[in-house]
Amino acid sequence: MQIEEFEQEIERALKSLPGKFLEKLKNIQIITDDSAPKKKNSLLLGLYQGVPLKVRGAISEPLMPDKITLYKQSLEKISKTTKELRNNIRDTVVHEIGHYFGLEEKEIRKRGY
């Protein structure tokens, strides 16, 4: 999949989220990186970097945006078809947004992401 189409799939995934979640996504950047950093015995599909909403102070917002990175090659590697790749992109976007909201890995996986 070309990078432009990959990024369009990320946009589709975001637009598919319920409005009550979308309206809470503030000061966040979602980017694509071609390859993931090496991680022993696992394949990194996405990464959330920032301060989760549930631990932020009520008074001030972080100065730097939170960041979600999706790793294109990793997602393509686990996907056998274009349809499967689209589903994996959406699942990874939802998974990383779960971290943005403060959910732990175990909680997100329990919800199927």
N, C-alpha and C. Protein backbone atom coordinates (compact mmCIF):
# COMPACT_ATOMS: atom_id res chain seq x y z
N MET A 1 0.85 -1.18 0.00
CA MET A 1 0.00 0.00 0.00
C MET A 1 0.90 1.24 0.00
N GLN A 2 0.54 2.19 -0.84
CA GLN A 2 1.28 3.43 -0.90
C GLN A 2 1.04 4.25 0.37
N ILE A 3 1.98 5.09 0.73
CA ILE A 3 1.91 5.86 1.98
C ILE A 3 0.67 6.75 2.02
N GLU A 4 0.28 7.33 0.90
CA GLU A 4 -0.90 8.20 0.87
C GLU A 4 -2.17 7.42 1.22
N GLU A 5 -2.29 6.23 0.66
CA GLU A 5 -3.45 5.38 0.95
C GLU A 5 -3.42 4.92 2.41
N PHE A 6 -2.24 4.59 2.91
CA PHE A 6 -2.08 4.18 4.30
C PHE A 6 -2.58 5.30 5.23
N GLU A 7 -2.17 6.54 4.94
CA GLU A 7 -2.59 7.67 5.76
C GLU A 7 -4.09 7.94 5.63
N GLN A 8 -4.66 7.67 4.46
CA GLN A 8 -6.11 7.80 4.29
C GLN A 8 -6.85 6.78 5.16
N GLU A 9 -6.27 5.59 5.29
CA GLU A 9 -6.87 4.56 6.15
C GLU A 9 -6.84 5.00 7.61
N ILE A 10 -5.78 5.67 8.01
CA ILE A 10 -5.72 6.21 9.37
C ILE A 10 -6.84 7.23 9.57
N GLU A 11 -7.04 8.10 8.59
CA GLU A 11 -8.12 9.10 8.65
C GLU A 11 -9.48 8.42 8.74
N ARG A 12 -9.68 7.36 7.94
CA ARG A 12 -10.96 6.62 8.00
C ARG A 12 -11.17 6.01 9.38
N ALA A 13 -10.10 5.47 9.94
CA ALA A 13 -10.19 4.88 11.27
C ALA A 13 -10.60 5.93 12.30
N LEU A 14 -10.01 7.10 12.21
CA LEU A 14 -10.36 8.18 13.14
C LEU A 14 -11.82 8.60 12.98
N LYS A 15 -12.25 8.75 11.74
CA LYS A 15 -13.62 9.19 11.47
C LYS A 15 -14.65 8.15 11.91
N SER A 16 -14.23 6.90 12.05
CA SER A 16 -15.16 5.85 12.45
C SER A 16 -15.38 5.81 13.97
N LEU A 17 -14.58 6.57 14.70
CA LEU A 17 -14.72 6.59 16.16
C LEU A 17 -15.97 7.35 16.57
N PRO A 18 -16.60 6.94 17.67
CA PRO A 18 -17.76 7.70 18.17
C PRO A 18 -17.37 9.14 18.50
N GLY A 19 -18.29 10.06 18.24
CA GLY A 19 -18.06 11.48 18.47
C GLY A 19 -17.60 11.82 19.87
N LYS A 20 -18.12 11.10 20.87
CA LYS A 20 -17.75 11.40 22.26
C LYS A 20 -16.25 11.17 22.50
N PHE A 21 -15.62 10.31 21.71
CA PHE A 21 -14.17 10.11 21.83
C PHE A 21 -13.42 11.12 20.98
N LEU A 22 -13.91 11.37 19.77
CA LEU A 22 -13.24 12.31 18.87
C LEU A 22 -13.13 13.70 19.48
N GLU A 23 -14.18 14.14 20.15
CA GLU A 23 -14.16 15.50 20.72
C GLU A 23 -13.15 15.64 21.86
N LYS A 24 -12.70 14.54 22.42
CA LYS A 24 -11.71 14.58 23.49
C LYS A 24 -10.27 14.48 22.98
N LEU A 25 -10.10 14.20 21.69
CA LEU A 25 -8.76 14.12 21.11
C LEU A 25 -8.25 15.53 20.83
N LYS A 26 -7.41 16.01 21.72
CA LYS A 26 -6.87 17.36 21.59
C LYS A 26 -5.36 17.32 21.74
N ASN A 27 -4.70 18.17 20.98
CA ASN A 27 -3.25 18.30 21.07
C ASN A 27 -2.56 16.94 20.87
N ILE A 28 -2.99 16.25 19.83
CA ILE A 28 -2.42 14.93 19.52
C ILE A 28 -2.07 14.86 18.04
N GLN A 29 -0.95 14.27 17.77
CA GLN A 29 -0.45 14.12 16.41
C GLN A 29 -0.40 12.63 16.09
N ILE A 30 -0.93 12.25 14.92
CA ILE A 30 -0.87 10.85 14.49
C ILE A 30 -0.02 10.81 13.23
N ILE A 31 1.06 10.06 13.29
CA ILE A 31 2.00 10.01 12.18
C ILE A 31 2.25 8.57 11.74
N THR A 32 2.86 8.44 10.58
CA THR A 32 3.25 7.14 10.05
C THR A 32 4.76 7.10 9.95
N ASP A 33 5.32 5.99 10.35
CA ASP A 33 6.75 5.74 10.17
C ASP A 33 6.85 4.44 9.39
N ASP A 34 7.77 4.39 8.46
CA ASP A 34 7.87 3.21 7.62
C ASP A 34 8.25 1.97 8.42
N SER A 35 9.25 2.09 9.28
CA SER A 35 9.67 0.91 10.05
C SER A 35 9.74 1.21 11.53
N ALA A 36 9.45 0.20 12.31
CA ALA A 36 9.42 0.32 13.77
C ALA A 36 10.81 0.12 14.36
N PRO A 37 11.03 0.70 15.54
CA PRO A 37 12.29 0.39 16.24
C PRO A 37 12.34 -1.10 16.56
N LYS A 38 13.52 -1.64 16.61
CA LYS A 38 13.68 -3.07 16.93
C LYS A 38 13.24 -3.31 18.36
N LYS A 39 12.44 -4.35 18.53
CA LYS A 39 11.95 -4.75 19.85
C LYS A 39 12.09 -6.26 19.95
N LYS A 40 12.82 -6.71 20.92
CA LYS A 40 13.12 -8.14 21.06
C LYS A 40 11.84 -8.97 21.17
N ASN A 41 11.74 -9.98 20.32
CA ASN A 41 10.66 -10.98 20.33
C ASN A 41 9.26 -10.44 20.10
N SER A 42 9.14 -9.27 19.49
CA SER A 42 7.81 -8.79 19.15
C SER A 42 7.88 -7.80 17.99
N LEU A 43 6.74 -7.54 17.42
CA LEU A 43 6.62 -6.64 16.29
C LEU A 43 5.78 -5.45 16.74
N LEU A 44 6.37 -4.28 16.74
CA LEU A 44 5.68 -3.07 17.19
C LEU A 44 4.83 -2.52 16.05
N LEU A 45 3.52 -2.42 16.27
CA LEU A 45 2.60 -1.92 15.26
C LEU A 45 2.35 -0.43 15.40
N GLY A 46 2.32 0.02 16.64
CA GLY A 46 2.06 1.43 16.92
C GLY A 46 2.63 1.80 18.27
N LEU A 47 2.74 3.11 18.51
CA LEU A 47 3.32 3.59 19.76
C LEU A 47 2.66 4.90 20.16
N TYR A 48 2.22 4.97 21.41
CA TYR A 48 1.68 6.21 21.98
C TYR A 48 2.76 6.84 22.85
N GLN A 49 3.00 8.11 22.66
CA GLN A 49 3.94 8.86 23.48
C GLN A 49 3.24 10.11 23.97
N GLY A 50 3.17 10.26 25.28
CA GLY A 50 2.53 11.44 25.83
C GLY A 50 2.09 11.23 27.26
N VAL A 51 1.22 12.11 27.70
CA VAL A 51 0.66 12.06 29.04
C VAL A 51 -0.81 11.69 28.91
N PRO A 52 -1.19 10.48 29.35
CA PRO A 52 -2.59 10.06 29.21
C PRO A 52 -3.56 11.03 29.89
N LEU A 53 -4.74 11.18 29.31
CA LEU A 53 -5.74 12.11 29.82
C LEU A 53 -6.04 11.91 31.30
N LYS A 54 -6.13 10.67 31.74
CA LYS A 54 -6.55 10.43 33.12
C LYS A 54 -5.50 10.83 34.16
N VAL A 55 -4.27 11.12 33.72
CA VAL A 55 -3.25 11.54 34.70
C VAL A 55 -2.84 13.00 34.51
N ARG A 56 -3.46 13.71 33.61
CA ARG A 56 -3.15 15.13 33.41
C ARG A 56 -3.78 15.96 34.51
N GLY A 57 -3.15 17.07 34.78
CA GLY A 57 -3.72 18.02 35.74
C GLY A 57 -4.90 18.74 35.12
N ALA A 58 -5.81 19.19 35.96
CA ALA A 58 -7.01 19.87 35.48
C ALA A 58 -6.72 21.28 34.98
N ILE A 59 -5.62 21.85 35.40
CA ILE A 59 -5.34 23.25 35.08
C ILE A 59 -4.59 23.43 33.77
N SER A 60 -3.55 22.65 33.55
CA SER A 60 -2.72 22.92 32.38
C SER A 60 -2.64 21.72 31.44
N GLU A 61 -2.58 22.02 30.17
CA GLU A 61 -2.38 21.03 29.13
C GLU A 61 -0.88 20.93 28.87
N PRO A 62 -0.40 19.76 28.43
CA PRO A 62 1.01 19.66 28.05
C PRO A 62 1.33 20.60 26.89
N LEU A 63 2.53 21.15 26.89
CA LEU A 63 2.93 22.06 25.82
C LEU A 63 3.14 21.34 24.50
N MET A 64 3.74 20.19 24.56
CA MET A 64 4.00 19.41 23.35
C MET A 64 2.80 18.49 23.08
N PRO A 65 2.49 18.27 21.82
CA PRO A 65 1.38 17.35 21.53
C PRO A 65 1.75 15.91 21.87
N ASP A 66 0.74 15.15 22.27
CA ASP A 66 0.92 13.70 22.39
C ASP A 66 1.12 13.19 20.97
N LYS A 67 1.72 12.02 20.85
CA LYS A 67 2.00 11.49 19.51
C LYS A 67 1.67 10.01 19.45
N ILE A 68 1.00 9.64 18.38
CA ILE A 68 0.76 8.23 18.05
C ILE A 68 1.48 7.97 16.73
N THR A 69 2.30 6.94 16.72
CA THR A 69 3.00 6.54 15.50
C THR A 69 2.51 5.17 15.08
N LEU A 70 2.14 5.03 13.82
CA LEU A 70 1.80 3.73 13.25
C LEU A 70 2.94 3.29 12.34
N TYR A 71 3.35 2.04 12.49
CA TYR A 71 4.49 1.51 11.75
C TYR A 71 4.00 0.71 10.54
N LYS A 72 4.16 1.31 9.38
CA LYS A 72 3.62 0.79 8.14
C LYS A 72 4.13 -0.62 7.81
N GLN A 73 5.43 -0.82 7.82
CA GLN A 73 5.97 -2.14 7.45
C GLN A 73 5.48 -3.23 8.40
N SER A 74 5.41 -2.93 9.67
CA SER A 74 4.95 -3.92 10.65
C SER A 74 3.50 -4.30 10.38
N LEU A 75 2.66 -3.30 10.13
CA LEU A 75 1.25 -3.58 9.86
C LEU A 75 1.08 -4.36 8.56
N GLU A 76 1.87 -4.02 7.56
CA GLU A 76 1.81 -4.76 6.30
C GLU A 76 2.29 -6.20 6.49
N LYS A 77 3.28 -6.38 7.32
CA LYS A 77 3.85 -7.72 7.55
C LYS A 77 2.82 -8.68 8.16
N ILE A 78 1.95 -8.19 9.03
CA ILE A 78 0.98 -9.08 9.69
C ILE A 78 -0.32 -9.21 8.90
N SER A 79 -0.44 -8.49 7.79
CA SER A 79 -1.68 -8.47 7.02
C SER A 79 -1.52 -9.24 5.71
N LYS A 80 -2.43 -10.17 5.48
CA LYS A 80 -2.36 -10.98 4.25
C LYS A 80 -3.08 -10.32 3.07
N THR A 81 -4.09 -9.50 3.36
CA THR A 81 -4.86 -8.85 2.31
C THR A 81 -5.00 -7.36 2.62
N THR A 82 -5.44 -6.60 1.63
CA THR A 82 -5.67 -5.17 1.84
C THR A 82 -6.77 -4.96 2.89
N LYS A 83 -7.79 -5.78 2.84
CA LYS A 83 -8.88 -5.67 3.82
C LYS A 83 -8.34 -5.92 5.23
N GLU A 84 -7.51 -6.92 5.38
CA GLU A 84 -6.93 -7.22 6.68
C GLU A 84 -6.02 -6.07 7.14
N LEU A 85 -5.28 -5.48 6.20
CA LEU A 85 -4.44 -4.34 6.54
C LEU A 85 -5.29 -3.18 7.03
N ARG A 86 -6.38 -2.90 6.36
CA ARG A 86 -7.29 -1.82 6.80
C ARG A 86 -7.80 -2.08 8.21
N ASN A 87 -8.19 -3.32 8.47
CA ASN A 87 -8.67 -3.67 9.82
C ASN A 87 -7.57 -3.52 10.86
N ASN A 88 -6.35 -3.93 10.49
CA ASN A 88 -5.23 -3.83 11.43
C ASN A 88 -4.85 -2.37 11.71
N ILE A 89 -4.96 -1.53 10.69
CA ILE A 89 -4.70 -0.10 10.89
C ILE A 89 -5.73 0.46 11.87
N ARG A 90 -7.00 0.16 11.64
CA ARG A 90 -8.06 0.66 12.53
C ARG A 90 -7.85 0.16 13.95
N ASP A 91 -7.59 -1.14 14.10
CA ASP A 91 -7.39 -1.70 15.43
C ASP A 91 -6.20 -1.04 16.14
N THR A 92 -5.15 -0.75 15.40
CA THR A 92 -3.96 -0.14 16.00
C THR A 92 -4.25 1.31 16.39
N VAL A 93 -4.97 2.03 15.56
CA VAL A 93 -5.37 3.41 15.91
C VAL A 93 -6.19 3.39 17.19
N VAL A 94 -7.19 2.53 17.26
CA VAL A 94 -8.04 2.43 18.45
C VAL A 94 -7.21 2.02 19.67
N HIS A 95 -6.31 1.08 19.49
CA HIS A 95 -5.44 0.61 20.58
C HIS A 95 -4.62 1.77 21.14
N GLU A 96 -3.96 2.52 20.27
CA GLU A 96 -3.10 3.61 20.74
C GLU A 96 -3.92 4.76 21.33
N ILE A 97 -5.10 5.01 20.82
CA ILE A 97 -5.98 6.02 21.41
C ILE A 97 -6.42 5.57 22.79
N GLY A 98 -6.57 4.27 22.98
CA GLY A 98 -6.86 3.75 24.32
C GLY A 98 -5.78 4.16 25.31
N HIS A 99 -4.51 4.10 24.89
CA HIS A 99 -3.42 4.56 25.75
C HIS A 99 -3.54 6.06 26.02
N TYR A 100 -3.93 6.84 25.01
CA TYR A 100 -4.13 8.28 25.17
C TYR A 100 -5.15 8.56 26.28
N PHE A 101 -6.19 7.73 26.33
CA PHE A 101 -7.21 7.90 27.35
C PHE A 101 -6.80 7.32 28.70
N GLY A 102 -5.65 6.65 28.74
CA GLY A 102 -5.13 6.16 30.01
C GLY A 102 -5.34 4.69 30.27
N LEU A 103 -5.81 3.94 29.27
CA LEU A 103 -6.00 2.51 29.47
C LEU A 103 -4.66 1.79 29.40
N GLU A 104 -4.50 0.80 30.24
CA GLU A 104 -3.30 -0.03 30.24
C GLU A 104 -3.41 -1.09 29.14
N GLU A 105 -2.29 -1.66 28.78
CA GLU A 105 -2.22 -2.67 27.71
C GLU A 105 -3.23 -3.80 27.94
N LYS A 106 -3.30 -4.30 29.15
CA LYS A 106 -4.19 -5.41 29.48
C LYS A 106 -5.66 -5.03 29.26
N GLU A 107 -6.02 -3.80 29.64
CA GLU A 107 -7.40 -3.34 29.48
C GLU A 107 -7.77 -3.22 28.00
N ILE A 108 -6.83 -2.72 27.21
CA ILE A 108 -7.10 -2.54 25.78
C ILE A 108 -7.25 -3.90 25.10
N ARG A 109 -6.37 -4.82 25.41
CA ARG A 109 -6.44 -6.15 24.80
C ARG A 109 -7.72 -6.88 25.21
N LYS A 110 -8.16 -6.66 26.44
CA LYS A 110 -9.39 -7.26 26.93
C LYS A 110 -10.60 -6.80 26.08
N ARG A 111 -10.51 -5.58 25.55
CA ARG A 111 -11.57 -5.03 24.69
C ARG A 111 -11.41 -5.45 23.23
N GLY A 112 -10.40 -6.23 22.92
CA GLY A 112 -10.23 -6.77 21.57
C GLY A 112 -9.31 -5.97 20.67
N TYR A 113 -8.52 -5.07 21.24
CA TYR A 113 -7.60 -4.26 20.42
C TYR A 113 -6.20 -4.53 20.88
